[in-house]
């Protein structure tokens, strides 16, 4: 027996070491856990991609023997940021198209398109990002210059919000569009009997259906480039709002291969094929992919005057925008989604659109509930309708940078009095006590620091207006951080697995070069990500 004793002791020591082994220790950090107490710590331990302990480094190091140690150098560490409303795949595709975001005139748009076309000589010319509100002449363009430059090659250029496109005659010819043609929930602009090339909301589909689908190579490149840019700004989960069911398998395969590490919450678009797919199959859930929601569109955008308002636009008499479908459609869809136990997420910008959707939701939800049905944007809400969010537990999913992007011209569309009912994030937050935040990229910049800054300071990147825009609806830094982490996770039914640095949750976290909870307001948009981790694996490091 004595000769076996040393071996036995060695086995016991080995077992003990194995019990307390860990993959990663993060120490010397200011860890904002974003737990229920909003507590802070200076270290945490990760094993098998999950957090196993949070606390003081000295006590954790006594208990755990980690293979890797990350010394944060006293920097702030936060849960990985979650963008509760984005268009991840579309953003990736846009990186391969003509970038028109910074153009200051229609002529600059045309010049950019001409340069892009020279480098990409085949197929459709696709561009995105123009915004006539940024131009000296704030009017919609027409297709004349595109026709002269590209008489045979089809061109489609999407407005920044994605709710209007400018196309040339070649594209119109391919789609068979005729002057005077009309469509429900959209507008095909005709002036003096001639098509201008402007197609708004549902009219866009007449053209886009003619564009050949991206190749597998283009699709994979889109995901990889989008992922790389998102990791660089600290995003570890994105909600992709409005994809076809055919993309689910593509995403799952890329994630299974390990090339796509970004976690995704996917909302399928509002069409029969997508409903059939999810209703028959049931929710699709893996650690990296969650498909259990549908994205529905109630109206268009304020910038293109497609948002549906209760009263006419202040800058266009007798025009109040439009719903993209008949109200009956939303009622039928809501009943169908509820009957199958899925989440309904509806784009609503104008006060009329918000009222319609709130009442449709109310008829199905019947009071307080935990279905977490969302209204995406909740941008202009009549004061008397705000309480409906709380009465029916409807989640306002908002994008703070919309307020600071729109503030210089939104009053022209709405008038001063109605503007006060817009971008009312604090009022909306108070209805349920929590609210997810996003960007709506590529409509806005992907950077969560801009989201945080806009939410708490209500200023643009130039620091204007000096006192902040409608500061009564600013939210606190704590609320903004929660909106980008735990509340965004909750909006996706994922608060038990992510959104905070707590034992049992995925080890998704970011290290920043400054503390957003303490930095001067003007410094917030300049704060950079030093490192991003998913499952305890470093996926980005600042060079």
Protein backbone atom coordinates (compact mmCIF):
# COMPACT_ATOMS: atom_id res chain seq x y z
CA UNK A 1 0.00 0.00 0.00
CA UNK A 2 2.86 2.36 0.88
CA UNK A 3 4.37 2.14 -2.59
CA UNK A 4 1.04 3.31 -4.10
CA UNK A 5 0.76 6.33 -1.76
CA UNK A 6 2.98 8.76 -3.78
CA UNK A 7 1.10 7.91 -6.96
CA UNK A 8 -2.21 8.44 -5.16
CA UNK A 9 -1.07 11.82 -3.86
CA UNK A 10 0.04 12.85 -7.33
CA UNK A 11 -3.36 11.88 -8.72
CA UNK A 12 -5.14 13.87 -6.03
CA UNK A 13 -3.01 16.97 -6.75
CA UNK A 14 -3.60 16.59 -10.48
CA UNK A 15 -7.36 16.31 -9.95
CA UNK A 16 -7.37 19.39 -7.75
CA UNK A 17 -5.40 21.35 -10.34
CA UNK A 18 -7.80 20.21 -13.02
CA UNK A 19 -10.82 21.23 -10.93
CA UNK A 20 -9.50 24.77 -10.62
CA UNK A 21 -8.01 25.11 -14.07
CA UNK A 22 -9.18 27.98 -16.30
CA UNK A 23 -8.59 29.22 -19.81
CA UNK A 24 -8.34 32.95 -19.14
CA UNK A 25 -7.93 35.41 -16.30
CA UNK A 26 -8.62 39.09 -16.94
CA UNK A 27 -7.15 41.24 -14.18
CA UNK A 28 -6.10 44.79 -13.31
CA UNK A 29 -9.32 46.06 -14.88
CA UNK A 30 -12.28 48.26 -14.02
CA UNK A 31 -14.95 45.70 -14.88
CA UNK A 32 -18.46 47.06 -15.36
CA UNK A 33 -20.39 43.85 -14.91
CA UNK A 34 -23.80 45.40 -15.76
CA UNK A 35 -25.39 42.91 -13.39
CA UNK A 36 -28.56 43.68 -11.42
CA UNK A 37 -26.58 45.80 -8.94
CA UNK A 38 -24.48 47.42 -11.67
CA UNK A 39 -21.47 46.33 -9.66
CA UNK A 40 -17.82 46.64 -10.61
CA UNK A 41 -14.91 44.23 -10.13
CA UNK A 42 -11.24 44.12 -11.04
CA UNK A 43 -11.00 40.60 -12.48
CA UNK A 44 -12.88 37.63 -13.89
CA UNK A 45 -12.16 34.08 -15.02
CA UNK A 46 -13.16 32.32 -18.24
CA UNK A 47 -13.37 28.59 -18.96
CA UNK A 48 -14.74 26.91 -22.10
CA UNK A 49 -15.92 30.22 -23.50
CA UNK A 50 -17.94 31.19 -20.42
CA UNK A 51 -17.36 33.34 -17.38
CA UNK A 52 -16.96 31.21 -14.26
CA UNK A 53 -16.07 33.78 -11.60
CA UNK A 54 -15.99 37.55 -11.11
CA UNK A 55 -14.32 39.40 -8.26
CA UNK A 56 -10.94 40.45 -6.92
CA UNK A 57 -7.83 39.31 -8.74
CA UNK A 58 -5.96 38.20 -5.63
CA UNK A 59 -8.71 35.82 -4.51
CA UNK A 60 -9.40 34.54 -8.04
CA UNK A 61 -5.71 33.82 -8.63
CA UNK A 62 -5.61 31.73 -5.46
CA UNK A 63 -8.43 29.56 -6.76
CA UNK A 64 -7.83 29.45 -10.51
CA UNK A 65 -4.78 28.58 -12.54
CA UNK A 66 -5.43 30.15 -15.97
CA UNK A 67 -3.63 29.22 -19.19
CA UNK A 68 -3.74 32.84 -20.31
CA UNK A 69 -3.72 36.09 -18.36
CA UNK A 70 -4.87 39.42 -19.81
CA UNK A 71 -3.63 42.40 -17.83
CA UNK A 72 -6.02 45.22 -18.73
CA UNK A 73 -3.61 47.85 -17.45
CA UNK A 74 -6.26 49.53 -15.34
CA UNK A 75 -8.54 50.06 -18.34
CA UNK A 76 -12.32 49.74 -18.30
CA UNK A 77 -13.89 46.46 -19.41
CA UNK A 78 -17.52 46.09 -20.46
CA UNK A 79 -19.78 43.31 -21.72
CA UNK A 80 -19.55 42.96 -25.50
CA UNK A 81 -21.73 45.58 -27.14
CA UNK A 82 -24.95 44.45 -28.80
CA UNK A 83 -26.51 46.40 -31.67
CA UNK A 84 -30.24 45.84 -31.27
CA UNK A 85 -31.10 47.10 -34.74
CA UNK A 86 -28.79 46.82 -37.72
CA UNK A 87 -28.50 45.49 -41.24
CA UNK A 88 -25.29 43.49 -40.94
CA UNK A 89 -25.40 41.62 -44.25
CA UNK A 90 -26.59 44.67 -46.15
CA UNK A 91 -23.77 46.68 -44.62
CA UNK A 92 -21.28 44.06 -45.78
CA UNK A 93 -22.65 44.15 -49.31
CA UNK A 94 -22.49 47.94 -49.22
CA UNK A 95 -18.75 47.78 -48.58
CA UNK A 96 -18.47 46.33 -52.09
CA UNK A 97 -20.66 49.01 -53.69
CA UNK A 98 -20.23 52.70 -54.51
CA UNK A 99 -19.99 54.59 -51.20
CA UNK A 100 -22.00 57.81 -51.36
CA UNK A 101 -22.27 58.68 -47.67
CA UNK A 102 -20.03 61.74 -47.69
CA UNK A 103 -21.26 63.31 -50.92
CA UNK A 104 -22.26 66.97 -50.58
CA UNK A 105 -24.16 67.37 -53.86
CA UNK A 106 -25.78 65.36 -56.62
CA UNK A 107 -22.77 66.12 -58.83
CA UNK A 108 -20.48 64.52 -56.22
CA UNK A 109 -22.75 61.46 -56.25
CA UNK A 110 -22.48 61.23 -60.03
CA UNK A 111 -18.69 61.67 -59.90
CA UNK A 112 -18.37 58.92 -57.31
CA UNK A 113 -20.55 56.58 -59.37
CA UNK A 114 -18.50 57.30 -62.48
CA UNK A 115 -15.26 56.46 -60.63
CA UNK A 116 -16.78 53.25 -59.21
CA UNK A 117 -18.06 52.19 -62.63
CA UNK A 118 -14.61 52.60 -64.18
CA UNK A 119 -13.14 50.21 -61.58
CA UNK A 120 -16.08 47.81 -61.83
CA UNK A 121 -16.88 47.65 -65.55
CA UNK A 122 -19.45 44.84 -65.54
CA UNK A 123 -23.00 44.37 -64.30
CA UNK A 124 -25.30 46.68 -62.41
CA UNK A 125 -23.88 49.81 -60.81
CA UNK A 126 -25.06 49.80 -57.22
CA UNK A 127 -24.43 52.57 -54.71
CA UNK A 128 -25.71 53.64 -51.32
CA UNK A 129 -25.64 56.56 -48.92
CA UNK A 130 -26.71 59.79 -50.64
CA UNK A 131 -28.78 62.20 -48.58
CA UNK A 132 -30.21 65.33 -50.17
CA UNK A 133 -30.62 66.86 -46.70
CA UNK A 134 -26.82 67.23 -46.56
CA UNK A 135 -26.67 69.14 -49.83
CA UNK A 136 -26.82 72.88 -50.40
CA UNK A 137 -29.80 72.29 -52.69
CA UNK A 138 -31.94 70.01 -50.51
CA UNK A 139 -34.04 68.55 -53.29
CA UNK A 140 -34.37 65.08 -54.74
CA UNK A 141 -32.28 64.65 -57.91
CA UNK A 142 -33.36 63.22 -61.25
CA UNK A 143 -31.84 60.62 -63.54
CA UNK A 144 -30.75 62.88 -66.44
CA UNK A 145 -27.00 62.77 -65.68
CA UNK A 146 -27.09 59.03 -65.06
CA UNK A 147 -28.85 58.48 -68.37
CA UNK A 148 -26.23 60.44 -70.29
CA UNK A 149 -23.32 58.63 -68.66
CA UNK A 150 -24.83 55.14 -68.57
CA UNK A 151 -27.37 54.81 -71.39
CA UNK A 152 -27.25 50.99 -71.43
CA UNK A 153 -25.88 49.95 -68.04
CA UNK A 154 -28.46 49.85 -65.20
CA UNK A 155 -27.78 52.05 -62.16
CA UNK A 156 -29.49 51.98 -58.74
CA UNK A 157 -28.40 54.37 -55.97
CA UNK A 158 -30.01 53.98 -52.57
CA UNK A 159 -30.70 56.89 -50.25
CA UNK A 160 -28.98 56.73 -46.84
CA UNK A 161 -32.09 55.35 -45.10
CA UNK A 162 -32.74 52.69 -47.73
CA UNK A 163 -36.28 53.99 -48.29
CA UNK A 164 -35.69 55.67 -51.66
CA UNK A 165 -33.56 54.94 -54.70
CA UNK A 166 -32.50 56.87 -57.77
CA UNK A 167 -32.30 54.75 -60.91
CA UNK A 168 -31.50 55.43 -64.54
CA UNK A 169 -33.63 54.71 -67.60
CA UNK A 170 -31.77 51.47 -68.33
CA UNK A 171 -32.88 50.11 -64.95
CA UNK A 172 -36.44 51.36 -65.48
CA UNK A 173 -36.55 49.68 -68.88
CA UNK A 174 -35.39 46.35 -67.45
CA UNK A 175 -38.14 46.55 -64.82
CA UNK A 176 -40.80 47.69 -67.32
CA UNK A 177 -41.67 50.84 -65.36
CA UNK A 178 -43.95 53.32 -67.18
CA UNK A 179 -44.77 56.98 -66.46
CA UNK A 180 -47.81 57.35 -64.23
CA UNK A 181 -47.50 53.85 -62.82
CA UNK A 182 -48.61 53.54 -59.17
CA UNK A 183 -48.02 51.09 -56.33
CA UNK A 184 -49.52 50.66 -52.86
CA UNK A 185 -47.13 51.76 -50.13
CA UNK A 186 -44.70 53.39 -52.53
CA UNK A 187 -44.17 56.15 -55.05
CA UNK A 188 -42.89 56.13 -58.63
CA UNK A 189 -42.18 59.79 -59.24
CA UNK A 190 -43.44 61.20 -62.51
CA UNK A 191 -43.16 64.92 -63.33
CA UNK A 192 -44.72 66.41 -66.47
CA UNK A 193 -45.38 62.93 -67.76
CA UNK A 194 -41.78 61.76 -67.41
CA UNK A 195 -40.15 59.39 -64.93
CA UNK A 196 -37.56 61.16 -62.77
CA UNK A 197 -35.90 57.94 -61.61
CA UNK A 198 -36.96 58.41 -57.98
CA UNK A 199 -38.56 55.29 -56.47
CA UNK A 200 -39.75 55.41 -52.86
CA UNK A 201 -40.40 52.50 -50.46
CA UNK A 202 -42.38 49.65 -52.09
CA UNK A 203 -41.53 51.03 -55.53
CA UNK A 204 -37.90 50.05 -54.92
CA UNK A 205 -38.80 46.37 -55.13
CA UNK A 206 -39.85 46.74 -58.77
CA UNK A 207 -36.21 47.50 -59.56
CA UNK A 208 -34.33 45.43 -56.97
CA UNK A 209 -36.04 42.22 -58.10
CA UNK A 210 -34.20 42.59 -61.41
CA UNK A 211 -30.72 42.74 -59.84
CA UNK A 212 -28.93 39.37 -60.01
CA UNK A 213 -28.38 37.87 -56.53
CA UNK A 214 -24.86 38.10 -55.07
CA UNK A 215 -22.56 35.16 -55.71
CA UNK A 216 -21.47 32.90 -52.86
CA UNK A 217 -18.07 34.56 -52.94
CA UNK A 218 -19.58 38.06 -52.66
CA UNK A 219 -21.86 36.93 -49.84
CA UNK A 220 -19.01 35.46 -47.79
CA UNK A 221 -16.87 38.52 -48.37
CA UNK A 222 -19.76 40.71 -47.20
CA UNK A 223 -20.04 38.83 -43.90
CA UNK A 224 -16.29 38.77 -43.29
CA UNK A 225 -15.76 42.48 -43.96
CA UNK A 226 -18.79 43.46 -41.90
CA UNK A 227 -17.59 41.28 -39.03
CA UNK A 228 -14.09 42.74 -39.09
CA UNK A 229 -15.39 46.31 -38.88
CA UNK A 230 -17.88 45.45 -36.15
CA UNK A 231 -15.28 43.75 -33.96
CA UNK A 232 -13.12 46.87 -34.28
CA UNK A 233 -15.85 48.93 -32.57
CA UNK A 234 -16.62 46.36 -29.88
CA UNK A 235 -19.74 44.70 -31.28
CA UNK A 236 -20.11 41.03 -30.37
CA UNK A 237 -23.80 40.55 -31.29
CA UNK A 238 -25.83 42.23 -34.00
CA UNK A 239 -29.55 42.08 -34.75
CA UNK A 240 -29.92 41.73 -38.52
CA UNK A 241 -33.36 43.15 -39.24
CA UNK A 242 -35.09 41.64 -42.23
CA UNK A 243 -33.39 38.72 -43.99
CA UNK A 244 -34.86 35.95 -46.17
CA UNK A 245 -34.98 32.48 -44.66
CA UNK A 246 -32.46 31.32 -47.26
CA UNK A 247 -29.76 33.28 -45.40
CA UNK A 248 -30.21 31.28 -42.20
CA UNK A 249 -28.37 28.25 -43.55
CA UNK A 250 -25.63 30.43 -45.05
CA UNK A 251 -25.02 32.13 -41.70
CA UNK A 252 -25.16 28.85 -39.79
CA UNK A 253 -22.62 27.24 -42.12
CA UNK A 254 -20.19 30.14 -41.85
CA UNK A 255 -20.50 30.09 -38.06
CA UNK A 256 -20.06 26.31 -37.95
CA UNK A 257 -16.85 26.60 -39.99
CA UNK A 258 -15.63 29.21 -37.53
CA UNK A 259 -15.14 31.96 -40.10
CA UNK A 260 -18.15 33.94 -38.91
CA UNK A 261 -17.68 34.44 -35.17
CA UNK A 262 -20.15 37.30 -34.79
CA UNK A 263 -23.27 36.32 -32.86
CA UNK A 264 -26.46 37.19 -34.74
CA UNK A 265 -30.10 37.68 -33.86
CA UNK A 266 -31.94 37.42 -37.17
CA UNK A 267 -35.39 38.78 -37.94
CA UNK A 268 -36.94 37.27 -41.06
CA UNK A 269 -38.70 39.58 -43.50
CA UNK A 270 -42.47 39.88 -43.78
CA UNK A 271 -43.38 37.46 -46.57
CA UNK A 272 -45.14 34.13 -46.97
CA UNK A 273 -42.02 32.03 -47.61
CA UNK A 274 -40.37 33.25 -44.42
CA UNK A 275 -43.49 32.60 -42.34
CA UNK A 276 -43.83 29.09 -43.78
CA UNK A 277 -40.17 28.33 -43.04
CA UNK A 278 -40.18 29.37 -39.39
CA UNK A 279 -43.70 28.19 -38.55
CA UNK A 280 -42.93 24.70 -39.88
CA UNK A 281 -39.41 24.48 -38.53
CA UNK A 282 -39.73 26.36 -35.25
CA UNK A 283 -37.25 28.78 -33.76
CA UNK A 284 -33.63 28.24 -34.79
CA UNK A 285 -31.22 28.60 -31.87
CA UNK A 286 -27.51 27.96 -31.46
CA UNK A 287 -25.01 29.77 -29.21
CA UNK A 288 -24.23 32.12 -32.11
CA UNK A 289 -27.50 32.33 -34.05
CA UNK A 290 -31.05 33.03 -32.92
CA UNK A 291 -33.95 33.15 -35.39
CA UNK A 292 -37.31 33.69 -33.70
CA UNK A 293 -38.58 37.05 -34.93
CA UNK A 294 -40.16 38.74 -37.93
CA UNK A 295 -39.41 42.23 -39.22
CA UNK A 296 -42.45 44.08 -40.55
CA UNK A 297 -42.52 47.56 -42.13
CA UNK A 298 -45.32 49.95 -41.26
CA UNK A 299 -44.06 53.02 -43.13
CA UNK A 300 -41.02 54.61 -44.73
CA UNK A 301 -38.55 57.24 -43.54
CA UNK A 302 -38.90 60.86 -42.53
CA UNK A 303 -36.09 62.03 -44.81
CA UNK A 304 -37.82 60.72 -47.94
CA UNK A 305 -41.27 61.82 -46.64
CA UNK A 306 -42.43 58.22 -46.57
CA UNK A 307 -43.06 58.22 -42.80
CA UNK A 308 -46.81 58.08 -42.15
CA UNK A 309 -47.96 61.12 -40.15
CA UNK A 310 -51.25 61.97 -38.48
CA UNK A 311 -51.19 65.41 -40.10
CA UNK A 312 -49.52 66.61 -43.32
CA UNK A 313 -45.80 67.34 -43.53
CA UNK A 314 -44.93 70.91 -42.58
CA UNK A 315 -42.92 71.26 -45.80
CA UNK A 316 -45.34 69.53 -48.18
CA UNK A 317 -49.00 70.44 -48.07
CA UNK A 318 -51.62 67.72 -48.35
CA UNK A 319 -48.99 64.99 -47.97
CA UNK A 320 -48.88 62.77 -44.88
CA UNK A 321 -46.80 59.85 -46.14
CA UNK A 322 -48.28 56.36 -46.26
CA UNK A 323 -48.46 52.93 -44.69
CA UNK A 324 -46.62 50.29 -46.70
CA UNK A 325 -49.52 47.85 -46.41
CA UNK A 326 -53.20 47.96 -45.56
CA UNK A 327 -53.95 47.94 -41.82
CA UNK A 328 -55.64 44.57 -42.30
CA UNK A 329 -52.28 43.09 -43.27
CA UNK A 330 -50.69 44.10 -39.94
CA UNK A 331 -53.67 42.71 -38.04
CA UNK A 332 -53.46 39.37 -39.84
CA UNK A 333 -49.69 39.14 -39.47
CA UNK A 334 -49.85 39.96 -35.75
CA UNK A 335 -52.45 37.26 -35.13
CA UNK A 336 -50.40 34.73 -37.10
CA UNK A 337 -47.11 35.52 -35.37
CA UNK A 338 -48.75 35.44 -31.93
CA UNK A 339 -50.46 32.12 -32.63
CA UNK A 340 -47.09 30.52 -33.41
CA UNK A 341 -45.30 32.11 -30.44
CA UNK A 342 -42.83 34.29 -32.31
CA UNK A 343 -41.70 37.89 -31.83
CA UNK A 344 -43.03 40.74 -33.99
CA UNK A 345 -40.70 43.66 -34.65
CA UNK A 346 -42.25 46.48 -36.67
CA UNK A 347 -40.54 49.46 -38.28
CA UNK A 348 -42.60 52.56 -37.46
CA UNK A 349 -41.31 56.12 -37.91
CA UNK A 350 -44.32 58.46 -38.17
CA UNK A 351 -46.85 59.14 -35.42
CA UNK A 352 -49.64 57.63 -37.49
CA UNK A 353 -47.65 54.46 -38.19
CA UNK A 354 -46.75 54.13 -34.50
CA UNK A 355 -50.40 54.56 -33.51
CA UNK A 356 -51.59 51.93 -35.98
CA UNK A 357 -49.00 49.37 -34.85
CA UNK A 358 -49.50 50.09 -31.14
CA UNK A 359 -53.23 49.46 -31.53
CA UNK A 360 -52.65 46.32 -33.58
CA UNK A 361 -50.26 45.05 -30.92
CA UNK A 362 -52.74 45.97 -28.16
CA UNK A 363 -55.48 43.90 -29.80
CA UNK A 364 -53.23 40.84 -29.67
CA UNK A 365 -51.21 41.33 -26.49
CA UNK A 366 -54.23 42.19 -24.29
CA UNK A 367 -52.27 44.04 -21.58
CA UNK A 368 -49.02 43.37 -19.71
CA UNK A 369 -47.02 40.43 -21.06
CA UNK A 370 -43.52 39.10 -21.70
CA UNK A 371 -43.73 38.56 -25.46
CA UNK A 372 -41.29 41.45 -26.01
CA UNK A 373 -42.89 42.62 -29.23
CA UNK A 374 -40.90 45.55 -30.51
CA UNK A 375 -41.45 48.73 -32.44
CA UNK A 376 -38.27 49.49 -34.31
CA UNK A 377 -37.37 53.21 -34.25
CA UNK A 378 -40.51 54.49 -32.44
CA UNK A 379 -39.35 57.80 -33.85
CA UNK A 380 -42.36 60.15 -33.81
CA UNK A 381 -44.98 59.16 -31.25
CA UNK A 382 -48.04 61.29 -30.42
CA UNK A 383 -47.91 62.28 -26.71
CA UNK A 384 -51.18 60.52 -25.97
CA UNK A 385 -49.85 57.26 -27.44
CA UNK A 386 -46.63 56.98 -25.42
CA UNK A 387 -48.40 55.25 -22.51
CA UNK A 388 -49.42 52.37 -24.79
CA UNK A 389 -45.84 51.10 -24.77
CA UNK A 390 -46.13 50.51 -21.03
CA UNK A 391 -49.73 49.32 -20.97
CA UNK A 392 -49.00 46.52 -23.46
CA UNK A 393 -45.32 45.88 -22.64
CA UNK A 394 -44.28 46.98 -26.14
CA UNK A 395 -40.52 47.47 -26.44
CA UNK A 396 -39.30 50.66 -28.14
CA UNK A 397 -36.13 49.68 -30.01
CA UNK A 398 -34.41 53.00 -30.72
CA UNK A 399 -31.29 54.34 -32.38
CA UNK A 400 -29.99 57.48 -30.61
CA UNK A 401 -27.88 58.67 -33.54
CA UNK A 402 -31.06 59.11 -35.59
CA UNK A 403 -31.92 62.05 -33.33
CA UNK A 404 -28.60 63.81 -33.87
CA UNK A 405 -28.52 63.03 -37.59
CA UNK A 406 -32.08 64.27 -38.18
CA UNK A 407 -32.27 67.20 -35.75
CA UNK A 408 -31.12 69.84 -38.24
CA UNK A 409 -33.93 69.14 -40.70
CA UNK A 410 -36.56 67.11 -38.82
CA UNK A 411 -38.26 70.31 -37.65
CA UNK A 412 -38.73 71.34 -41.27
CA UNK A 413 -40.60 68.10 -41.92
CA UNK A 414 -42.59 68.10 -38.69
CA UNK A 415 -42.89 71.67 -37.42
CA UNK A 416 -41.63 72.75 -34.00
CA UNK A 417 -44.56 71.45 -31.96
CA UNK A 418 -44.61 67.95 -33.47
CA UNK A 419 -40.80 67.72 -33.26
CA UNK A 420 -41.18 67.69 -29.47
CA UNK A 421 -42.88 64.30 -29.85
CA UNK A 422 -39.90 62.93 -31.73
CA UNK A 423 -36.85 60.99 -30.57
CA UNK A 424 -38.33 60.96 -27.04
CA UNK A 425 -36.05 58.25 -25.70
CA UNK A 426 -36.34 59.04 -21.99
CA UNK A 427 -40.14 59.05 -22.17
CA UNK A 428 -40.09 55.76 -24.02
CA UNK A 429 -37.59 54.21 -21.61
CA UNK A 430 -39.78 55.11 -18.64
CA UNK A 431 -42.70 53.08 -19.99
CA UNK A 432 -41.21 49.65 -19.28
CA UNK A 433 -38.06 50.60 -17.37
CA UNK A 434 -35.74 49.22 -20.05
CA UNK A 435 -35.01 49.83 -23.71
CA UNK A 436 -32.59 48.33 -26.28
CA UNK A 437 -30.32 50.61 -28.31
CA UNK A 438 -28.92 50.20 -31.80
CA UNK A 439 -27.58 52.12 -34.77
CA UNK A 440 -29.55 50.98 -37.83
CA UNK A 441 -26.23 50.72 -39.66
CA UNK A 442 -25.50 51.28 -42.54
CA UNK A 443 -28.04 54.10 -42.21
CA UNK A 444 -25.88 55.39 -39.34
CA UNK A 445 -22.27 54.68 -38.39
CA UNK A 446 -21.63 51.25 -36.83
CA UNK A 447 -19.75 52.69 -33.84
CA UNK A 448 -21.51 52.07 -30.47
CA UNK A 449 -19.57 55.01 -29.00
CA UNK A 450 -21.62 57.29 -31.24
CA UNK A 451 -24.77 55.61 -29.92
CA UNK A 452 -23.68 56.17 -26.33
CA UNK A 453 -22.70 59.79 -26.99
CA UNK A 454 -25.93 60.63 -28.81
CA UNK A 455 -28.02 59.01 -26.08
CA UNK A 456 -26.49 60.90 -23.17
CA UNK A 457 -25.23 64.15 -24.74
CA UNK A 458 -27.75 64.53 -27.58
CA UNK A 459 -25.14 66.23 -29.78
CA UNK A 460 -23.60 65.56 -33.17
CA UNK A 461 -19.91 64.86 -33.72
CA UNK A 462 -19.22 68.59 -33.97
CA UNK A 463 -20.54 69.03 -30.43
CA UNK A 464 -23.72 70.75 -31.57
CA UNK A 465 -26.12 72.00 -30.43
CA UNK A 466 -24.19 73.41 -27.50
CA UNK A 467 -26.86 72.57 -24.92
CA UNK A 468 -27.91 69.30 -26.55
CA UNK A 469 -31.01 68.49 -28.60
CA UNK A 470 -34.23 68.25 -26.54
CA UNK A 471 -32.24 67.27 -23.46
CA UNK A 472 -35.36 66.32 -21.54
CA UNK A 473 -35.11 63.05 -23.45
CA UNK A 474 -31.44 62.32 -22.79
CA UNK A 475 -30.82 59.13 -20.84
CA UNK A 476 -28.15 58.46 -18.20
CA UNK A 477 -24.81 56.81 -18.89
CA UNK A 478 -25.86 53.78 -16.87
CA UNK A 479 -29.05 53.45 -18.94
CA UNK A 480 -27.15 53.90 -22.20
CA UNK A 481 -24.67 51.16 -21.28
CA UNK A 482 -27.51 48.87 -20.24
CA UNK A 483 -29.28 49.64 -23.54
CA UNK A 484 -26.19 48.52 -25.46
CA UNK A 485 -25.68 45.35 -23.41
CA UNK A 486 -28.14 43.67 -21.05
CA UNK A 487 -31.29 45.40 -22.35
CA UNK A 488 -30.35 44.64 -25.94
CA UNK A 489 -29.85 41.02 -24.91
CA UNK A 490 -33.23 41.05 -23.16
CA UNK A 491 -34.92 42.36 -26.30
CA UNK A 492 -33.60 39.19 -27.97
CA UNK A 493 -34.61 36.83 -25.11
CA UNK A 494 -30.90 36.30 -24.46
CA UNK A 495 -30.33 38.07 -21.14
CA UNK A 496 -29.51 34.78 -19.40
CA UNK A 497 -26.59 34.07 -21.71
CA UNK A 498 -25.08 37.47 -22.56
CA UNK A 499 -25.25 41.21 -21.91
CA UNK A 500 -23.36 41.24 -18.60
CA UNK A 501 -20.14 39.90 -17.11
CA UNK A 502 -21.52 37.26 -14.76
CA UNK A 503 -20.81 33.59 -14.08
CA UNK A 504 -22.47 31.28 -16.59
CA UNK A 505 -22.61 33.81 -19.41
CA UNK A 506 -20.65 33.91 -22.64
CA UNK A 507 -17.25 35.53 -22.24
CA UNK A 508 -18.00 38.35 -24.68
CA UNK A 509 -16.32 41.56 -23.57
CA UNK A 510 -14.42 44.65 -24.70
CA UNK A 511 -11.55 46.71 -23.33
CA UNK A 512 -11.68 50.44 -24.11
CA UNK A 513 -8.92 53.04 -23.97
CA UNK A 514 -11.03 55.28 -21.72
CA UNK A 515 -13.93 54.85 -19.31
CA UNK A 516 -17.23 55.86 -20.91
CA UNK A 517 -18.82 56.09 -17.49
CA UNK A 518 -16.39 58.81 -16.36
CA UNK A 519 -14.91 60.49 -19.47
CA UNK A 520 -15.87 64.03 -20.42
CA UNK A 521 -18.92 64.15 -22.66
CA UNK A 522 -16.97 65.63 -25.57
CA UNK A 523 -14.48 62.75 -25.41
CA UNK A 524 -17.06 59.97 -25.70
CA UNK A 525 -17.16 59.59 -29.51
CA UNK A 526 -13.35 59.52 -29.63
CA UNK A 527 -12.98 56.54 -27.29
CA UNK A 528 -11.50 53.51 -29.04
CA UNK A 529 -11.69 49.77 -28.55
CA UNK A 530 -8.39 48.21 -27.52
CA UNK A 531 -9.53 44.58 -27.62
CA UNK A 532 -12.69 42.60 -28.38
CA UNK A 533 -13.32 39.05 -27.14
CA UNK A 534 -15.97 36.48 -28.03
CA UNK A 535 -16.12 33.25 -26.01
CA UNK A 536 -12.93 34.42 -24.31
CA UNK A 537 -11.16 34.44 -27.68
CA UNK A 538 -9.58 37.69 -28.83
CA UNK A 539 -11.14 38.62 -32.18
CA UNK A 540 -9.75 42.15 -32.42
CA UNK A 541 -6.77 44.11 -31.08
CA UNK A 542 -6.01 47.73 -31.85
CA UNK A 543 -2.75 48.07 -33.74
